[in-house]
Amino acid sequence: MRGRPRIWRNLADVPADFGPCATTIGNFDGVHVGHQTLIWNTVEIARARGWKPALLTFNPHPAKVVAPDRAPKIIMTLDQRAEVMGAIGIEEILMLPFTAEVSHWTPEEFVKTVLVDAMKVRAVLVGEDFRFGHKQTGDTTILAELGVKYGFEVDPIRPVNVRRVRVSSSLVRQTVSAGRVNHACRLLGRPFALEGSVVKGHGVGAKQTVPTLNLQPLTEVWPADGVYVSRTHNLDSGQVWNSITNVGNRPTFDGQGTSIETYLLEPLTGPPPDRLRVEFLWRVREERKFPSAADLKAQILRDVAVAQKYFHRVTRKGRMAN
């Protein structure tokens, strides 16, 4: 994995040595395979020209300022995105605070203030449908014209399709929310995951069914209610376990509100984790109400057997591929 990028969270703090750079621009929520194509191309151009590979994103999502009722739920935090971007090769990230003032900048004001004066761009890579400036009046044609004026090149990148469907953050949200986590993996190029703190549960599992770790995610897009084969990471120690995870409201116990409860398929050694990443690999079944805690426990043990078969099959395929 590459080093963590330098991150700047305010335009005034951007240092003089930020550029010269090649940059891509966007929200990059989820950092799906389409985003990754933009980022890879940016990194390759920067390295070929001796520039820094950079990225410009916004905080918060512009829709939260200009149309808060239509603002999308967040798949990943900005810091989670930065970690993935750094692994691909991005070295500099400007997380531009998106304010009402910024939303009123003309396309040229945006280009001059951010891209030219602050970032010192030499190349800008964006999607073919990229829009910017007040009321989204700027497009790739206007960006290219401004590039001629201010001395940078513009490279529009075609969208990426998976199974003949264009990949987008909206599609990732829909796919995860429908519980199709195996398809979300194709869109993301990695398993969909939730990160957050371990919180105290209701104590029911440890007493009546099986003990679980209860996750409080940092983000807003969750898989549909149900039981999933999962892989759980301790974010502090690096320890990893195969697991199963239930997303739902615990109807057998008349639970209130959605919870995310993970059962580890291997013993937990050492102190219990404080922070987890749970990767959702495959949906086993929907959540349902059982007549008793004993019936639920029996079903959980059947779910465990399904998960163990899943991991055995994956491991065997990996050995065959090697």
Protein backbone atom coordinates (compact mmCIF):
# COMPACT_ATOMS: atom_id res chain seq x y z
CA MET A 1 0.00 0.00 0.00
CA ARG A 2 1.24 3.47 -0.83
CA GLY A 3 1.74 6.26 1.70
CA ARG A 4 -1.08 8.38 3.08
CA PRO A 5 -1.65 11.53 1.02
CA ARG A 6 -1.23 15.03 2.38
CA ILE A 7 -4.69 16.44 3.09
CA TRP A 8 -5.68 20.09 3.13
CA ARG A 9 -9.08 21.03 4.50
CA ASN A 10 -9.05 24.76 3.81
CA LEU A 11 -8.07 26.76 0.75
CA ALA A 12 -6.05 29.21 2.82
CA ASP A 13 -3.87 26.39 4.18
CA VAL A 14 -2.80 25.00 0.80
CA PRO A 15 1.01 25.32 0.68
CA ALA A 16 3.04 26.76 -2.16
CA ASP A 17 4.48 23.31 -2.91
CA PHE A 18 1.08 21.69 -3.54
CA GLY A 19 1.78 21.65 -7.30
CA PRO A 20 2.51 21.46 -10.09
CA CYS A 21 0.02 18.65 -10.32
CA ALA A 22 -2.39 16.62 -12.35
CA THR A 23 -5.74 16.47 -10.61
CA THR A 24 -9.15 14.90 -10.83
CA ILE A 25 -12.26 16.52 -9.37
CA GLY A 26 -15.40 15.12 -7.78
CA ASN A 27 -17.14 13.86 -4.66
CA PHE A 28 -15.84 10.30 -5.09
CA ASP A 29 -18.28 8.85 -2.57
CA GLY A 30 -17.63 5.13 -2.44
CA VAL A 31 -14.51 5.42 -4.62
CA HIS A 32 -16.09 2.92 -7.03
CA VAL A 33 -14.43 1.47 -10.15
CA GLY A 34 -15.39 4.52 -12.23
CA HIS A 35 -13.71 6.81 -9.72
CA GLN A 36 -10.72 4.51 -9.64
CA THR A 37 -10.31 4.82 -13.41
CA LEU A 38 -10.18 8.61 -13.08
CA ILE A 39 -7.69 8.37 -10.24
CA TRP A 40 -5.44 5.83 -11.99
CA ASN A 41 -5.30 8.00 -15.12
CA THR A 42 -4.46 11.05 -13.01
CA VAL A 43 -1.65 9.20 -11.25
CA GLU A 44 -0.21 7.89 -14.53
CA ILE A 45 -0.19 11.31 -16.22
CA ALA A 46 1.37 12.97 -13.17
CA ARG A 47 4.16 10.42 -12.94
CA ALA A 48 4.85 10.54 -16.67
CA ARG A 49 5.21 14.35 -16.55
CA GLY A 50 7.01 14.65 -13.21
CA TRP A 51 4.02 16.30 -11.48
CA LYS A 52 2.20 15.42 -8.27
CA PRO A 53 -0.93 13.25 -8.50
CA ALA A 54 -3.63 15.26 -6.75
CA LEU A 55 -7.36 15.24 -6.13
CA LEU A 56 -9.95 17.91 -5.41
CA THR A 57 -13.11 17.02 -3.51
CA PHE A 58 -15.71 18.91 -1.50
CA ASN A 59 -16.87 19.03 2.11
CA PRO A 60 -19.78 18.76 2.54
CA HIS A 61 -21.33 17.29 -0.60
CA PRO A 62 -22.45 20.33 -2.67
CA ALA A 63 -26.05 19.12 -2.61
CA LYS A 64 -26.15 19.66 1.15
CA VAL A 65 -25.66 23.38 0.46
CA VAL A 66 -27.61 23.98 -2.75
CA ALA A 67 -30.38 21.35 -2.36
CA PRO A 68 -30.26 19.82 1.14
CA ASP A 69 -33.55 17.95 0.67
CA ARG A 70 -31.95 16.03 -2.21
CA ALA A 71 -28.54 15.44 -0.63
CA PRO A 72 -27.51 11.78 -0.92
CA LYS A 73 -26.70 9.52 2.01
CA ILE A 74 -22.95 9.15 2.49
CA ILE A 75 -21.28 5.83 1.62
CA MET A 76 -17.82 6.69 3.02
CA THR A 77 -16.38 9.46 5.16
CA LEU A 78 -13.85 11.79 3.56
CA ASP A 79 -11.01 10.19 5.54
CA GLN A 80 -12.07 6.71 4.43
CA ARG A 81 -12.04 7.89 0.82
CA ALA A 82 -8.61 9.45 1.31
CA GLU A 83 -7.23 6.12 2.52
CA VAL A 84 -8.39 4.36 -0.66
CA MET A 85 -7.19 7.22 -2.87
CA GLY A 86 -3.76 7.15 -1.25
CA ALA A 87 -3.53 3.40 -1.84
CA ILE A 88 -4.05 4.05 -5.57
CA GLY A 89 -1.34 6.71 -5.65
CA ILE A 90 -2.83 10.14 -4.91
CA GLU A 91 -0.34 12.27 -2.98
CA GLU A 92 -2.21 15.56 -2.45
CA ILE A 93 -5.89 16.04 -1.57
CA LEU A 94 -7.72 19.34 -1.21
CA MET A 95 -11.03 18.91 0.60
CA LEU A 96 -12.53 22.25 -0.38
CA PRO A 97 -15.14 23.55 2.10
CA PHE A 98 -18.26 23.94 -0.03
CA THR A 99 -20.11 27.03 1.17
CA ALA A 100 -22.87 29.25 -0.18
CA GLU A 101 -20.16 31.64 -1.37
CA VAL A 102 -18.34 28.89 -3.27
CA SER A 103 -21.62 27.77 -4.83
CA HIS A 104 -21.95 31.23 -6.44
CA TRP A 105 -18.52 31.27 -8.06
CA THR A 106 -18.59 31.43 -11.84
CA PRO A 107 -16.74 28.63 -13.67
CA GLU A 108 -13.79 30.96 -14.25
CA GLU A 109 -13.68 32.10 -10.61
CA PHE A 110 -13.58 28.46 -9.54
CA VAL A 111 -10.82 27.60 -12.00
CA LYS A 112 -8.69 30.65 -11.22
CA THR A 113 -9.09 30.54 -7.43
CA VAL A 114 -8.76 26.81 -6.84
CA LEU A 115 -7.15 25.05 -9.78
CA VAL A 116 -4.71 27.72 -10.95
CA ASP A 117 -3.76 29.82 -7.92
CA ALA A 118 -3.98 27.21 -5.14
CA MET A 119 -3.32 23.85 -6.81
CA LYS A 120 -1.14 24.98 -9.75
CA VAL A 121 -2.65 22.36 -12.04
CA ARG A 122 -1.11 21.25 -15.30
CA ALA A 123 -3.75 18.66 -16.21
CA VAL A 124 -7.36 18.11 -15.12
CA LEU A 125 -9.11 14.76 -15.57
CA VAL A 126 -12.88 14.62 -15.11
CA GLY A 127 -15.85 12.56 -16.24
CA GLU A 128 -17.48 13.48 -19.54
CA ASP A 129 -20.56 14.85 -17.74
CA PHE A 130 -18.58 16.98 -15.27
CA ARG A 131 -20.35 20.24 -14.33
CA PHE A 132 -19.08 23.07 -12.12
CA GLY A 133 -19.58 26.71 -11.21
CA HIS A 134 -22.73 28.62 -10.25
CA LYS A 135 -25.84 26.59 -11.15
CA GLN A 136 -23.50 24.09 -12.87
CA THR A 137 -23.03 26.39 -15.85
CA GLY A 138 -19.54 25.02 -16.54
CA ASP A 139 -18.92 21.81 -18.47
CA THR A 140 -15.91 20.09 -20.04
CA THR A 141 -15.98 22.40 -23.06
CA ILE A 142 -15.78 25.50 -20.87
CA LEU A 143 -13.14 23.82 -18.70
CA ALA A 144 -11.02 23.13 -21.80
CA GLU A 145 -11.35 26.75 -22.93
CA LEU A 146 -10.23 27.93 -19.50
CA GLY A 147 -7.39 25.42 -19.69
CA VAL A 148 -6.13 27.11 -22.84
CA LYS A 149 -6.34 30.50 -21.11
CA TYR A 150 -4.58 29.42 -17.92
CA GLY A 151 -2.17 26.82 -19.23
CA PHE A 152 -3.50 23.38 -18.30
CA GLU A 153 -4.80 20.47 -20.35
CA VAL A 154 -8.20 18.82 -19.87
CA ASP A 155 -8.86 15.12 -20.36
CA PRO A 156 -12.53 13.98 -20.19
CA ILE A 157 -12.78 10.29 -19.23
CA ARG A 158 -15.56 8.00 -20.44
CA PRO A 159 -17.79 6.37 -17.80
CA VAL A 160 -17.14 2.79 -16.66
CA ASN A 161 -19.81 0.12 -17.12
CA VAL A 162 -20.29 -3.09 -15.16
CA ARG A 163 -22.58 -5.59 -16.86
CA ARG A 164 -23.53 -2.89 -19.37
CA VAL A 165 -24.71 -0.49 -16.64
CA ARG A 166 -22.89 2.73 -15.87
CA VAL A 167 -21.28 2.70 -12.45
CA SER A 168 -22.21 5.60 -10.16
CA SER A 169 -22.38 6.38 -6.46
CA SER A 170 -26.18 6.34 -6.77
CA LEU A 171 -26.06 2.81 -8.18
CA VAL A 172 -23.81 1.71 -5.31
CA ARG A 173 -26.28 3.14 -2.79
CA GLN A 174 -29.20 1.38 -4.46
CA THR A 175 -27.36 -1.92 -4.71
CA VAL A 176 -26.21 -1.93 -1.08
CA SER A 177 -29.62 -0.81 0.21
CA ALA A 178 -31.18 -3.74 -1.67
CA GLY A 179 -28.82 -6.16 0.06
CA ARG A 180 -26.98 -7.11 -3.14
CA VAL A 181 -23.58 -6.81 -1.50
CA ASN A 182 -21.89 -9.28 -3.87
CA HIS A 183 -22.83 -7.04 -6.81
CA ALA A 184 -21.76 -3.96 -4.85
CA CYS A 185 -18.32 -5.59 -4.65
CA ARG A 186 -18.14 -5.56 -8.47
CA LEU A 187 -19.08 -1.88 -8.54
CA LEU A 188 -16.57 -0.94 -5.85
CA GLY A 189 -13.74 -3.27 -6.83
CA ARG A 190 -13.67 -4.40 -3.17
CA PRO A 191 -16.24 -5.48 -0.57
CA PHE A 192 -18.70 -2.90 0.71
CA ALA A 193 -17.74 -2.12 4.31
CA LEU A 194 -18.94 -0.22 7.35
CA GLU A 195 -16.56 1.23 9.93
CA GLY A 196 -17.24 2.53 13.38
CA SER A 197 -17.06 2.03 17.12
CA VAL A 198 -18.09 -1.06 19.04
CA VAL A 199 -21.00 -0.15 21.29
CA LYS A 200 -22.72 -1.96 24.12
CA GLY A 201 -25.60 -4.14 22.98
CA HIS A 202 -28.74 -5.14 24.83
CA GLY A 203 -27.11 -8.21 26.41
CA VAL A 204 -29.66 -10.57 24.89
CA GLY A 205 -27.29 -12.35 22.53
CA ALA A 206 -24.67 -13.28 25.11
CA LYS A 207 -27.35 -14.72 27.42
CA GLN A 208 -29.85 -16.35 25.03
CA THR A 209 -28.29 -16.87 21.58
CA VAL A 210 -24.65 -16.11 20.70
CA PRO A 211 -22.35 -13.23 21.73
CA THR A 212 -21.92 -10.48 19.16
CA LEU A 213 -19.99 -7.27 18.56
CA ASN A 214 -22.31 -4.34 17.95
CA LEU A 215 -21.16 -1.73 15.43
CA GLN A 216 -22.11 1.93 15.33
CA PRO A 217 -21.22 2.99 11.75
CA LEU A 218 -19.85 6.40 10.81
CA THR A 219 -21.77 6.50 7.52
CA GLU A 220 -25.37 6.45 6.32
CA VAL A 221 -25.67 3.75 3.64
CA TRP A 222 -26.34 0.33 5.20
CA PRO A 223 -27.21 -3.03 3.66
CA ALA A 224 -30.84 -4.12 3.71
CA ASP A 225 -32.01 -5.96 6.82
CA GLY A 226 -30.75 -9.52 6.77
CA VAL A 227 -27.92 -11.89 7.60
CA TYR A 228 -24.62 -11.62 5.73
CA VAL A 229 -21.38 -13.52 5.42
CA SER A 230 -18.83 -10.93 6.50
CA ARG A 231 -15.18 -10.32 7.32
CA THR A 232 -14.40 -8.23 10.38
CA HIS A 233 -11.25 -6.16 10.93
CA ASN A 234 -9.98 -4.73 14.21
CA LEU A 235 -8.93 -1.25 13.08
CA ASP A 236 -6.49 -0.88 15.95
CA SER A 237 -4.69 -4.24 16.06
CA GLY A 238 -5.12 -5.33 12.43
CA GLN A 239 -6.63 -8.66 13.48
CA VAL A 240 -9.14 -10.13 11.00
CA TRP A 241 -11.93 -12.67 11.56
CA ASN A 242 -14.38 -14.48 9.34
CA SER A 243 -17.85 -13.65 10.61
CA ILE A 244 -21.57 -13.39 10.05
CA THR A 245 -23.42 -10.12 10.54
CA ASN A 246 -27.07 -9.36 11.17
CA VAL A 247 -28.51 -6.03 10.08
CA GLY A 248 -31.97 -5.36 11.48
CA ASN A 249 -34.16 -4.59 14.46
CA ARG A 250 -34.04 -7.98 16.27
CA PRO A 251 -37.73 -8.83 15.73
CA THR A 252 -37.53 -11.99 17.88
CA PHE A 253 -36.88 -9.71 20.86
CA ASP A 254 -39.16 -6.87 19.67
CA GLY A 255 -36.15 -4.66 19.10
CA GLN A 256 -36.42 -0.97 18.32
CA GLY A 257 -34.21 0.64 15.66
CA THR A 258 -31.70 -0.97 13.33
CA SER A 259 -28.59 -2.55 14.79
CA ILE A 260 -25.53 -4.20 13.23
CA GLU A 261 -24.43 -7.28 15.17
CA THR A 262 -21.43 -9.40 14.19
CA TYR A 263 -20.65 -12.92 15.36
CA LEU A 264 -17.03 -14.00 14.92
CA LEU A 265 -16.45 -17.49 13.53
CA GLU A 266 -13.11 -17.70 15.35
CA PRO A 267 -12.39 -17.11 19.04
CA LEU A 268 -11.77 -13.56 20.16
CA THR A 269 -8.35 -13.45 21.81
CA GLY A 270 -7.05 -10.49 23.75
CA PRO A 271 -9.08 -7.43 24.73
CA PRO A 272 -12.34 -6.78 22.85
CA PRO A 273 -11.95 -4.38 19.90
CA ASP A 274 -12.95 -0.74 20.12
CA ARG A 275 -13.18 -0.01 16.38
CA LEU A 276 -14.18 -2.32 13.54
CA ARG A 277 -14.48 -2.52 9.79
CA VAL A 278 -17.11 -5.04 8.70
CA GLU A 279 -16.97 -6.15 5.07
CA PHE A 280 -20.23 -7.55 3.66
CA LEU A 281 -19.53 -10.41 1.25
CA TRP A 282 -22.78 -12.27 0.59
CA ARG A 283 -26.38 -12.16 1.78
CA VAL A 284 -27.50 -15.39 3.43
CA ARG A 285 -31.14 -14.62 4.17
CA GLU A 286 -33.60 -11.95 5.20
CA GLU A 287 -34.15 -11.12 8.85
CA ARG A 288 -37.23 -12.72 10.35
CA LYS A 289 -38.95 -13.27 13.68
CA PHE A 290 -38.55 -16.64 15.40
CA PRO A 291 -40.89 -18.22 17.96
CA SER A 292 -38.21 -18.26 20.64
CA ALA A 293 -34.59 -17.43 21.42
CA ALA A 294 -33.77 -21.14 21.12
CA ASP A 295 -35.17 -21.24 17.58
CA LEU A 296 -33.16 -18.13 16.67
CA LYS A 297 -29.99 -19.65 18.12
CA ALA A 298 -30.52 -22.81 16.06
CA GLN A 299 -30.90 -20.68 12.92
CA ILE A 300 -27.76 -18.68 13.74
CA LEU A 301 -25.81 -21.95 13.98
CA ARG A 302 -27.15 -22.92 10.55
CA ASP A 303 -26.08 -19.48 9.25
CA VAL A 304 -22.63 -20.11 10.71
CA ALA A 305 -22.41 -23.39 8.78
CA VAL A 306 -23.35 -21.57 5.57
CA ALA A 307 -20.67 -18.94 6.22
CA GLN A 308 -18.04 -21.59 6.94
CA LYS A 309 -18.84 -23.31 3.63
CA TYR A 310 -18.56 -19.94 1.88
CA PHE A 311 -15.09 -19.26 3.27
CA HIS A 312 -13.96 -22.83 2.59
CA ARG A 313 -15.06 -22.48 -1.04
CA VAL A 314 -13.34 -19.10 -1.41
CA THR A 315 -10.14 -20.42 0.14
CA ARG A 316 -10.14 -23.48 -2.12
CA LYS A 317 -10.64 -21.33 -5.23
CA GLY A 318 -7.76 -19.14 -4.11
CA ARG A 319 -5.49 -22.13 -3.78
CA MET A 320 -6.50 -23.41 -7.21
CA ALA A 321 -5.83 -19.98 -8.74
CA ASN A 322 -2.32 -20.02 -7.26
